[in-house]
């Protein structure tokens, strides 16, 4: 959803199940495994930047139809290792028609 105000645009995403006021680093491990940011997995403390990470994961899914990090079955450890390494692939043919700037 875009909000137009004086020519500016904002992307508004809502899921208030985990909403909190952020006034310092957070340490609670929470979130959907596919979207969880590396700093949450590493338990080093996190802030609002984890929402930008999740928006990037959502964008990846919107562009190709599947998430950038995929574990095998119910093994979250494999998924979390992939997220911590931060290496994303752009496999053909799914990304063939996506611009470099979108990647």
Protein backbone atom coordinates (compact mmCIF):
# COMPACT_ATOMS: atom_id res chain seq x y z
CA UNK A 1 0.00 0.00 0.00
CA UNK A 2 1.40 3.37 -0.97
CA UNK A 3 0.39 6.51 0.87
CA UNK A 4 0.66 9.67 -1.25
CA UNK A 5 1.26 12.79 0.79
CA UNK A 6 2.82 15.90 -0.76
CA UNK A 7 4.28 13.73 -3.52
CA UNK A 8 6.03 11.36 -1.12
CA UNK A 9 5.39 7.64 -0.98
CA UNK A 10 5.57 5.23 1.92
CA UNK A 11 5.27 1.48 1.96
CA UNK A 12 3.10 0.41 4.87
CA UNK A 13 3.11 -3.23 5.94
CA UNK A 14 1.17 -4.39 8.94
CA UNK A 15 1.49 -7.40 11.21
CA UNK A 16 1.04 -6.30 14.77
CA UNK A 17 1.35 -9.72 16.39
CA UNK A 18 4.97 -8.96 17.31
CA UNK A 19 4.71 -5.16 17.48
CA UNK A 20 6.71 -3.37 20.17
CA UNK A 21 8.20 0.04 20.89
CA UNK A 22 11.89 -0.02 19.99
CA UNK A 23 14.00 2.16 22.26
CA UNK A 24 17.12 0.00 22.33
CA UNK A 25 18.41 -3.32 21.05
CA UNK A 26 15.98 -6.24 21.21
CA UNK A 27 17.03 -9.81 21.91
CA UNK A 28 13.83 -11.87 21.72
CA UNK A 29 14.08 -14.56 19.05
CA UNK A 30 10.83 -14.32 17.11
CA UNK A 31 9.41 -14.19 13.61
CA UNK A 32 8.67 -16.42 10.65
CA UNK A 33 11.81 -18.49 9.91
CA UNK A 34 11.87 -17.67 6.18
CA UNK A 35 11.88 -13.92 6.85
CA UNK A 36 14.07 -13.75 9.96
CA UNK A 37 17.12 -11.46 9.78
CA UNK A 38 20.66 -12.68 10.53
CA UNK A 39 20.99 -10.59 13.70
CA UNK A 40 17.91 -12.26 15.17
CA UNK A 41 19.36 -15.72 14.50
CA UNK A 42 22.76 -14.68 15.89
CA UNK A 43 21.06 -13.19 18.98
CA UNK A 44 23.35 -10.14 18.86
CA UNK A 45 20.55 -7.63 19.38
CA UNK A 46 18.49 -6.01 16.68
CA UNK A 47 16.35 -2.99 15.86
CA UNK A 48 14.21 -1.62 13.08
CA UNK A 49 16.60 -2.78 10.33
CA UNK A 50 15.19 -6.31 10.59
CA UNK A 51 12.00 -4.96 9.00
CA UNK A 52 14.02 -3.82 5.97
CA UNK A 53 15.47 -7.33 5.72
CA UNK A 54 11.96 -8.82 5.76
CA UNK A 55 10.83 -6.34 3.08
CA UNK A 56 13.76 -7.52 0.94
CA UNK A 57 12.72 -11.14 1.37
CA UNK A 58 9.15 -10.24 0.40
CA UNK A 59 10.41 -8.35 -2.66
CA UNK A 60 12.47 -11.37 -3.74
CA UNK A 61 9.38 -13.58 -3.43
CA UNK A 62 7.23 -11.12 -5.39
CA UNK A 63 9.77 -11.04 -8.22
CA UNK A 64 10.31 -14.78 -8.66
CA UNK A 65 7.69 -16.69 -6.69
CA UNK A 66 9.83 -18.34 -4.01
CA UNK A 67 11.96 -17.23 -1.04
CA UNK A 68 15.70 -16.51 -1.31
CA UNK A 69 16.58 -18.93 1.48
CA UNK A 70 15.10 -22.41 1.65
CA UNK A 71 15.87 -25.15 4.11
CA UNK A 72 15.31 -28.81 3.48
CA UNK A 73 12.05 -30.03 4.97
CA UNK A 74 11.61 -29.05 8.61
CA UNK A 75 15.34 -28.49 9.21
CA UNK A 76 15.51 -24.84 10.32
CA UNK A 77 19.23 -25.09 11.01
CA UNK A 78 19.98 -25.40 7.28
CA UNK A 79 17.70 -22.44 6.58
CA UNK A 80 19.33 -20.34 9.31
CA UNK A 81 22.83 -21.21 8.05
CA UNK A 82 21.83 -19.96 4.58
CA UNK A 83 20.46 -16.73 6.05
CA UNK A 84 23.61 -16.16 8.15
CA UNK A 85 25.80 -16.61 5.04
CA UNK A 86 23.56 -14.14 3.17
CA UNK A 87 24.26 -15.63 -0.23
CA UNK A 88 21.32 -15.32 -2.59
CA UNK A 89 20.99 -16.95 -5.96
CA UNK A 90 19.02 -15.66 -8.92
CA UNK A 91 18.36 -18.91 -10.80
CA UNK A 92 17.31 -19.11 -14.41
CA UNK A 93 14.65 -19.03 -15.81
CA UNK A 94 12.91 -17.30 -12.89
CA UNK A 95 15.21 -14.26 -12.88
CA UNK A 96 15.98 -14.03 -16.60
CA UNK A 97 13.55 -11.16 -17.21
CA UNK A 98 14.26 -9.27 -13.98
CA UNK A 99 16.48 -6.19 -14.29
CA UNK A 100 19.85 -5.98 -12.56
CA UNK A 101 18.65 -3.00 -10.54
CA UNK A 102 15.74 -5.06 -9.18
CA UNK A 103 18.17 -7.79 -8.18
